C-alpha cells in the first residue's frame, strides 16, 4: 500500500560570515552579535565553530514561498544585528583571504569536543554552507529509499551553488574549495546505499558501539536522514550568495523528494548508482562548477553541466505546479545564464586585482533586492 504523500516542509540553515567593513577581513564578534538578538529571533540563531560566523535556521515552512519569505527576513534581521555591532554579513562558501589560524573558536562544549578529537582538521573548517531540510513525515523507509536514489543529483545542486573559489588569498582553481576542506573529516561525502531503515540503524549502532561516534549527529554525509527531525537533509552545497539562488536550490531539493514519491507511487524506478561513481561528479562540480562536464551514468558519457541542469529542471517539471515552486526552480535558468557566485567573484578579482572588491560585492549580493 502506497504511503501518503510526505509533508514536504522546507527548513533552511545558512552560515554567514561576519565582516569588518574597513579591513574586509572576518570579524570574530559572533557572541556580541547574538547577544543583542531579541528572544524570538535568538531561538533561530546559533553560534558556530568559529567566532566570525553565525548560523540561522528557519522554522519548517509549508511551501517554498513561505520558506523564501522566512529566509529573506532572517538575512535582513541578521544583517541588522551585525550592523549594530559595526560589521556586515556575507553568504559565500569561503572568505577570499581570511586565515583560519586567526579566528578564535567558540567556547562551547560541543566545539571543544570536536577540537579535541579532530585537532587542526576541524580548526581549519572556516567554511560556510547551506543545509536544506525537506519534511518526510514518519515514513523512515521512504527516507532511506529517497536518499539512495536522489543522492545522484547532489553534484548537480553543488554545481549550481559554488561560491568558494578563493581561499587564503589564492585563486584555488576550484569553484567550490569548501567541498575539499569539508572532506577532511570522516563520515562526509556521498552516503552509502542501505537496503532498509533497519540496515541504516544497524550501521549507526556499529559506529556507536565501537566508540566511533556518540550518536548519529556525528554522521555528516552530503545527504542524510536527520537524527532528530523527520526530514531528509541536503548538505552538499556551498552557501549561495544571492538569496534567489538559495531558494532555487532549496526548491529543487524539495521537488526531488516529491518527484521520488510520485515515482514510487507510479511504480517507476530510477537506477541507483554506487557512491564512488557519484563522487566522480562531486569532484567535477567542485572543480569546474557550471563550466565543466558531469557524467550521465545512465548514458555512460560526459555532458556539459549546464545541459544536465536543464535536464534536471525538466525531470521535476511535472511536480512544480503541485508544489507552487515553478517560479523558484526556473530561476535555475538565470543562474545558468549569468553564472554562479564563484564565477562572478573570479571575474571581479580578474578585473580589479583586489580581493577586498570581491568582499564588497559579496556584501552587496548577500542582500540583493531584500535589504
Protein backbone atom coordinates (compact mmCIF):
# COMPACT_ATOMS: atom_id res chain seq x y z
CA UNK A 1 0.00 0.00 0.00
CA UNK A 2 1.35 3.40 -1.00
CA UNK A 3 2.12 5.66 1.93
CA UNK A 4 0.57 9.14 1.94
CA UNK A 5 2.49 11.98 0.34
CA UNK A 6 5.18 13.43 2.61
CA UNK A 7 4.52 16.86 4.13
CA UNK A 8 7.44 18.35 2.15
CA UNK A 9 8.03 21.16 4.62
CA UNK A 10 11.21 23.14 3.98
CA UNK A 11 13.71 24.39 6.53
CA UNK A 12 16.90 26.20 5.55
CA UNK A 13 20.10 26.63 7.55
CA UNK A 14 22.71 29.17 6.42
CA UNK A 15 26.09 30.07 7.93
CA UNK A 16 27.01 33.74 7.49
CA UNK A 17 30.40 35.36 7.59
CA UNK A 18 30.82 38.42 9.81
CA UNK A 19 32.90 41.05 8.02
CA UNK A 20 34.80 44.10 9.23
CA UNK A 21 33.76 46.78 6.67
CA UNK A 22 37.12 48.56 6.94
CA UNK A 23 39.54 45.66 6.52
CA UNK A 24 37.04 43.34 4.76
CA UNK A 25 38.51 40.56 6.90
CA UNK A 26 36.45 38.32 9.15
CA UNK A 27 35.34 39.88 12.43
CA UNK A 28 35.23 37.47 15.42
CA UNK A 29 32.21 39.10 17.08
CA UNK A 30 29.55 36.40 16.86
CA UNK A 31 28.92 36.37 20.61
CA UNK A 32 28.32 40.12 20.64
CA UNK A 33 26.00 39.97 17.64
CA UNK A 34 23.96 37.10 19.08
CA UNK A 35 23.70 38.71 22.50
CA UNK A 36 21.63 41.56 21.06
CA UNK A 37 19.08 39.39 19.28
CA UNK A 38 15.51 39.54 20.60
CA UNK A 39 14.33 36.34 22.25
CA UNK A 40 12.10 35.21 19.36
CA UNK A 41 14.96 35.61 16.91
CA UNK A 42 17.60 34.21 19.26
CA UNK A 43 15.86 30.84 19.12
CA UNK A 44 16.60 30.72 15.39
CA UNK A 45 20.25 31.78 15.64
CA UNK A 46 23.27 29.80 16.73
CA UNK A 47 26.97 30.41 17.19
CA UNK A 48 29.16 28.22 15.03
CA UNK A 49 32.61 26.71 15.34
CA UNK A 50 34.41 29.97 14.61
CA UNK A 51 33.59 33.29 16.24
CA UNK A 52 33.28 35.00 12.86
CA UNK A 53 30.20 33.10 11.78
CA UNK A 54 26.53 32.99 12.71
CA UNK A 55 24.11 30.24 11.71
CA UNK A 56 20.41 30.78 11.06
CA UNK A 57 17.75 28.10 10.85
CA UNK A 58 14.31 28.91 9.53
CA UNK A 59 11.29 27.20 11.07
CA UNK A 60 9.72 24.49 8.86
CA UNK A 61 7.86 26.25 6.06
CA UNK A 62 4.75 24.75 4.49
CA UNK A 63 5.90 25.66 0.97
CA UNK A 64 8.67 27.38 -0.96
CA UNK A 65 7.04 30.81 -0.95
CA UNK A 66 6.88 30.73 2.82
CA UNK A 67 10.45 29.42 3.01
CA UNK A 68 11.69 32.29 0.85
CA UNK A 69 9.86 34.85 2.97
CA UNK A 70 11.48 33.40 6.10
CA UNK A 71 14.92 33.29 4.51
CA UNK A 72 14.71 36.90 3.35
CA UNK A 73 13.58 38.03 6.79
CA UNK A 74 16.38 36.10 8.50
CA UNK A 75 19.08 37.57 6.26
CA UNK A 76 17.64 41.03 6.81
CA UNK A 77 17.46 40.65 10.60
CA UNK A 78 20.94 39.16 10.98
CA UNK A 79 22.32 41.97 8.80
CA UNK A 80 20.62 44.50 11.08
CA UNK A 81 22.09 42.89 14.21
CA UNK A 82 25.53 42.76 12.62
CA UNK A 83 25.43 46.40 11.54
CA UNK A 84 24.54 47.40 15.11
CA UNK A 85 27.93 45.93 16.06
CA UNK A 86 29.70 47.61 13.17
CA UNK A 87 30.04 44.56 10.92
CA UNK A 88 28.40 43.18 7.78
CA UNK A 89 27.29 39.71 6.71
CA UNK A 90 28.35 37.68 3.70
CA UNK A 91 26.89 34.49 2.24
CA UNK A 92 29.65 32.53 0.49
CA UNK A 93 31.37 29.20 0.94
CA UNK A 94 34.75 30.71 1.90
CA UNK A 95 36.20 34.10 2.71
CA UNK A 96 38.60 35.21 -0.04
CA UNK A 97 41.64 35.84 2.15
CA UNK A 98 40.96 35.15 5.85
CA UNK A 99 43.26 32.76 7.73
CA UNK A 100 41.64 30.16 9.95
CA UNK A 101 44.52 30.39 12.42
CA UNK A 102 43.49 33.98 13.21
CA UNK A 103 39.83 33.28 14.03
CA UNK A 104 39.04 32.13 17.60
CA UNK A 105 36.97 29.04 18.27
CA UNK A 106 33.61 29.38 20.03
CA UNK A 107 33.99 28.17 23.61
CA UNK A 108 31.15 25.66 23.72
CA UNK A 109 31.43 22.07 24.95
CA UNK A 110 30.44 20.65 21.57
CA UNK A 111 33.12 22.55 19.69
CA UNK A 112 35.73 21.81 22.33
CA UNK A 113 34.96 18.10 21.97
CA UNK A 114 35.29 18.32 18.19
CA UNK A 115 38.54 20.22 18.51
CA UNK A 116 39.92 17.65 20.94
CA UNK A 117 39.06 14.81 18.60
CA UNK A 118 39.91 16.26 15.19
CA UNK A 119 42.54 18.90 16.02
CA UNK A 120 43.51 21.07 13.04
CA UNK A 121 41.22 19.14 10.70
CA UNK A 122 38.29 20.81 12.44
CA UNK A 123 40.04 24.09 13.27
CA UNK A 124 40.59 24.62 9.53
CA UNK A 125 36.87 24.39 8.79
CA UNK A 126 36.49 28.10 8.20
CA UNK A 127 33.85 27.31 5.61
CA UNK A 128 30.21 28.16 5.16
CA UNK A 129 27.41 26.01 3.77
CA UNK A 130 23.68 25.57 3.40
CA UNK A 131 21.57 22.72 4.74
CA UNK A 132 18.06 22.19 3.39
CA UNK A 133 15.61 20.01 5.32
CA UNK A 134 12.67 18.51 3.44
CA UNK A 135 9.96 17.04 5.64
CA UNK A 136 9.14 13.39 5.02
CA UNK A 137 6.85 12.54 7.94
CA UNK A 138 7.32 9.28 9.81
CA UNK A 139 7.98 7.03 6.83
CA UNK A 140 11.60 6.12 7.53
CA UNK A 141 11.72 3.55 4.74
CA UNK A 142 10.83 6.30 2.28
CA UNK A 143 13.62 8.48 3.68
CA UNK A 144 16.24 5.80 3.08
CA UNK A 145 14.92 4.93 -0.38
CA UNK A 146 14.79 8.58 -1.42
CA UNK A 147 18.37 9.17 -0.27
CA UNK A 148 19.59 6.03 -2.06
CA UNK A 149 18.15 7.37 -5.30
CA UNK A 150 18.29 11.16 -5.18
CA UNK A 151 21.88 11.44 -3.90
CA UNK A 152 22.71 11.06 -7.61
CA UNK A 153 21.59 14.69 -8.05
CA UNK A 154 23.83 16.16 -5.33
CA UNK A 155 26.66 17.10 -7.73
CA UNK A 156 24.14 18.98 -9.86
CA UNK A 157 23.00 21.02 -6.85
CA UNK A 158 26.62 21.66 -5.88
CA UNK A 159 27.44 22.96 -9.37
CA UNK A 160 24.61 25.49 -9.07
CA UNK A 161 25.74 26.70 -5.65
CA UNK A 162 29.52 27.05 -5.99
CA UNK A 163 30.72 30.15 -4.15
CA UNK A 164 34.19 29.33 -2.80
CA UNK A 165 36.87 29.78 -5.47
CA UNK A 166 39.18 31.84 -3.22
CA UNK A 167 41.00 30.62 -0.10
CA UNK A 168 43.71 32.27 1.99
CA UNK A 169 44.31 34.94 -0.64
CA UNK A 170 44.70 32.48 -3.50
CA UNK A 171 42.73 31.56 -6.59
CA UNK A 172 42.36 27.86 -5.84
CA UNK A 173 41.46 26.67 -9.34
CA UNK A 174 38.30 25.11 -7.87
CA UNK A 175 34.83 26.65 -7.88
CA UNK A 176 33.98 25.01 -4.53
CA UNK A 177 37.11 24.82 -2.41
CA UNK A 178 34.80 24.49 0.59
CA UNK A 179 33.97 20.98 -0.61
CA UNK A 180 37.63 19.96 -0.44
CA UNK A 181 38.13 21.37 3.06
CA UNK A 182 34.98 19.69 4.39
CA UNK A 183 36.20 16.30 3.23
CA UNK A 184 38.97 16.45 5.83
CA UNK A 185 36.55 14.96 8.36
CA UNK A 186 35.32 11.36 8.41
CA UNK A 187 31.75 10.38 7.55
CA UNK A 188 31.39 13.09 4.93
CA UNK A 189 30.67 12.83 1.21
CA UNK A 190 28.12 10.72 -0.60
CA UNK A 191 26.30 8.27 1.69
CA UNK A 192 26.39 4.54 1.14
CA UNK A 193 23.32 2.62 -0.03
CA UNK A 194 21.20 1.00 2.66
CA UNK A 195 18.69 -1.76 2.00
CA UNK A 196 16.28 -0.52 4.67
CA UNK A 197 15.95 1.81 7.63
CA UNK A 198 16.89 -1.04 9.95
CA UNK A 199 20.03 -1.59 7.88
CA UNK A 200 20.91 2.07 8.41
CA UNK A 201 20.21 1.85 12.16
CA UNK A 202 22.48 -1.19 12.38
CA UNK A 203 25.23 0.82 10.70
CA UNK A 204 24.79 3.64 13.21
CA UNK A 205 24.72 1.17 16.11
CA UNK A 206 28.01 -0.33 14.96
CA UNK A 207 29.68 3.07 15.00
CA UNK A 208 28.25 3.92 18.42
CA UNK A 209 29.12 0.54 19.95
CA UNK A 210 32.70 0.73 18.70
CA UNK A 211 33.19 4.23 20.12
CA UNK A 212 33.48 5.84 16.68
CA UNK A 213 30.62 8.30 17.28
CA UNK A 214 28.44 9.36 20.19
CA UNK A 215 25.26 9.35 18.10
CA UNK A 216 24.01 9.84 14.54
CA UNK A 217 24.57 13.60 14.73
CA UNK A 218 28.25 12.85 14.01
CA UNK A 219 27.38 11.46 10.57
CA UNK A 220 27.95 14.39 8.21
CA UNK A 221 27.14 12.96 4.79
CA UNK A 222 26.09 15.25 1.96
CA UNK A 223 22.57 13.91 2.32
CA UNK A 224 21.23 12.18 5.40
CA UNK A 225 18.16 11.09 7.31
CA UNK A 226 18.22 13.61 10.11
CA UNK A 227 18.79 12.08 13.52
CA UNK A 228 16.27 14.30 15.33
CA UNK A 229 13.75 15.62 12.81
CA UNK A 230 11.61 13.64 10.32
CA UNK A 231 13.44 15.17 7.39
CA UNK A 232 15.91 14.47 4.66
CA UNK A 233 18.78 16.92 4.98
CA UNK A 234 20.67 18.12 1.90
CA UNK A 235 24.20 19.17 2.93
CA UNK A 236 26.18 19.14 -0.32
CA UNK A 237 26.09 22.77 -1.38
CA UNK A 238 28.09 25.90 -0.84
CA UNK A 239 26.29 28.84 0.70
CA UNK A 240 24.55 30.61 -2.17
CA UNK A 241 25.33 34.33 -2.16
CA UNK A 242 22.22 35.61 -3.90
CA UNK A 243 19.00 34.87 -1.96
CA UNK A 244 17.11 33.91 -5.11
CA UNK A 245 19.84 31.39 -5.92
CA UNK A 246 19.48 29.99 -2.41
CA UNK A 247 15.74 29.44 -2.71
CA UNK A 248 16.12 27.92 -6.19
CA UNK A 249 18.40 25.25 -4.73
CA UNK A 250 16.03 24.63 -1.80
CA UNK A 251 13.10 24.35 -4.20
CA UNK A 252 14.98 21.83 -6.32
CA UNK A 253 15.70 19.76 -3.22
CA UNK A 254 12.02 19.74 -2.27
CA UNK A 255 10.98 18.90 -5.84
CA UNK A 256 13.40 15.96 -5.98
CA UNK A 257 11.91 14.40 -2.86
CA UNK A 258 8.36 14.83 -4.13
CA UNK A 259 9.38 13.53 -7.56
CA UNK A 260 10.75 10.40 -5.92
CA UNK A 261 7.49 9.90 -4.04
CA UNK A 262 5.44 10.19 -7.25
CA UNK A 263 7.74 7.72 -8.99
CA UNK A 264 7.25 5.20 -6.17
CA UNK A 265 3.51 5.79 -6.33
CA UNK A 266 3.53 5.05 -10.05
CA UNK A 267 5.91 2.06 -9.75
CA UNK A 268 8.60 3.89 -11.73
CA UNK A 269 12.20 3.32 -10.70
CA UNK A 270 15.34 5.39 -11.10
CA UNK A 271 18.54 3.42 -11.12
CA UNK A 272 20.72 3.69 -8.02
CA UNK A 273 24.43 4.19 -8.61
CA UNK A 274 27.38 3.34 -6.34
CA UNK A 275 28.69 6.18 -4.20
CA UNK A 276 32.17 6.15 -5.84
CA UNK A 277 30.62 6.91 -9.22
CA UNK A 278 28.62 9.82 -7.82
CA UNK A 279 31.80 11.09 -6.15
CA UNK A 280 33.33 11.47 -9.61
CA UNK A 281 30.65 14.03 -10.38
CA UNK A 282 31.08 15.71 -6.99
CA UNK A 283 34.72 16.35 -7.87
CA UNK A 284 33.83 17.70 -11.31
CA UNK A 285 31.17 20.01 -9.84
CA UNK A 286 33.59 21.30 -7.19
CA UNK A 287 36.38 21.79 -9.72
CA UNK A 288 34.50 23.36 -12.61
CA UNK A 289 31.06 24.40 -11.38
CA UNK A 290 28.83 25.07 -14.37
CA UNK A 291 31.73 25.28 -16.81
CA UNK A 292 32.70 21.63 -16.87
CA UNK A 293 31.17 18.30 -17.72
CA UNK A 294 29.38 15.85 -15.48
CA UNK A 295 28.90 12.19 -16.27
CA UNK A 296 25.49 10.90 -17.27
CA UNK A 297 25.94 7.41 -15.88
CA UNK A 298 22.72 6.19 -17.49
CA UNK A 299 24.17 7.01 -20.92
CA UNK A 300 27.77 6.36 -19.79
CA UNK A 301 29.07 9.61 -21.27
CA UNK A 302 30.03 13.15 -20.35
CA UNK A 303 27.65 16.06 -20.80
CA UNK A 304 28.04 19.75 -20.13
CA UNK A 305 26.89 20.61 -16.62
CA UNK A 306 24.56 23.31 -17.92
CA UNK A 307 22.81 20.79 -20.18
CA UNK A 308 22.36 18.34 -17.33
CA UNK A 309 20.90 21.06 -15.13
CA UNK A 310 18.36 21.88 -17.83
CA UNK A 311 17.52 18.18 -17.87
CA UNK A 312 17.19 18.23 -14.07
CA UNK A 313 14.64 21.05 -14.20
CA UNK A 314 12.75 19.13 -16.88
CA UNK A 315 12.93 15.99 -14.73
CA UNK A 316 10.97 17.67 -11.91
CA UNK A 317 8.75 19.78 -14.18
CA UNK A 318 5.64 17.68 -13.58
CA UNK A 319 5.66 18.33 -9.82
CA UNK A 320 6.43 22.05 -9.79
CA UNK A 321 2.88 23.29 -10.14
CA UNK A 322 1.69 20.97 -7.37
CA UNK A 323 4.38 22.50 -5.16
CA UNK A 324 3.81 26.07 -6.41
CA UNK A 325 7.57 26.31 -6.85
CA UNK A 326 7.97 26.82 -10.59
CA UNK A 327 8.89 30.47 -10.01
CA UNK A 328 11.75 29.37 -7.74
CA UNK A 329 13.06 26.35 -9.67
CA UNK A 330 13.06 28.13 -13.03
CA UNK A 331 15.44 30.70 -11.54
CA UNK A 332 18.00 27.97 -12.31
CA UNK A 333 17.94 29.29 -15.89
CA UNK A 334 19.05 32.70 -14.59
CA UNK A 335 21.98 31.10 -12.78
CA UNK A 336 22.94 29.21 -15.93
CA UNK A 337 22.86 32.45 -17.96
CA UNK A 338 24.77 34.79 -15.62
CA UNK A 339 26.94 32.30 -13.75
CA UNK A 340 27.41 31.33 -10.14
CA UNK A 341 28.77 33.33 -7.25
CA UNK A 342 32.15 31.68 -7.84
CA UNK A 343 32.15 32.82 -11.47
CA UNK A 344 31.37 36.39 -10.51
CA UNK A 345 33.95 36.50 -7.69
CA UNK A 346 36.65 35.37 -10.09
CA UNK A 347 35.58 37.92 -12.71
CA UNK A 348 35.74 40.77 -10.18
CA UNK A 349 39.17 39.68 -8.97
CA UNK A 350 40.48 39.37 -12.52
CA UNK A 351 39.16 42.85 -13.31
CA UNK A 352 40.33 44.62 -10.14
CA UNK A 353 43.15 42.51 -8.72
CA UNK A 354 41.67 43.37 -5.34
CA UNK A 355 40.23 40.73 -3.03
CA UNK A 356 38.57 43.47 -0.99
CA UNK A 357 36.50 44.36 -4.05
CA UNK A 358 35.31 40.76 -4.11
CA UNK A 359 34.22 41.06 -0.47
CA UNK A 360 32.41 44.32 -1.24
CA UNK A 361 30.46 42.57 -3.98
CA UNK A 362 29.65 39.66 -1.66
CA UNK A 363 28.29 42.04 0.98
CA UNK A 364 26.02 43.69 -1.58
CA UNK A 365 24.92 40.46 -3.26
CA UNK A 366 24.03 38.76 0.03
CA UNK A 367 21.20 41.26 0.47
CA UNK A 368 20.38 41.74 -3.21
CA UNK A 369 16.81 43.04 -3.60
CA UNK A 370 15.95 42.30 0.05
CA UNK A 371 17.95 44.82 2.06
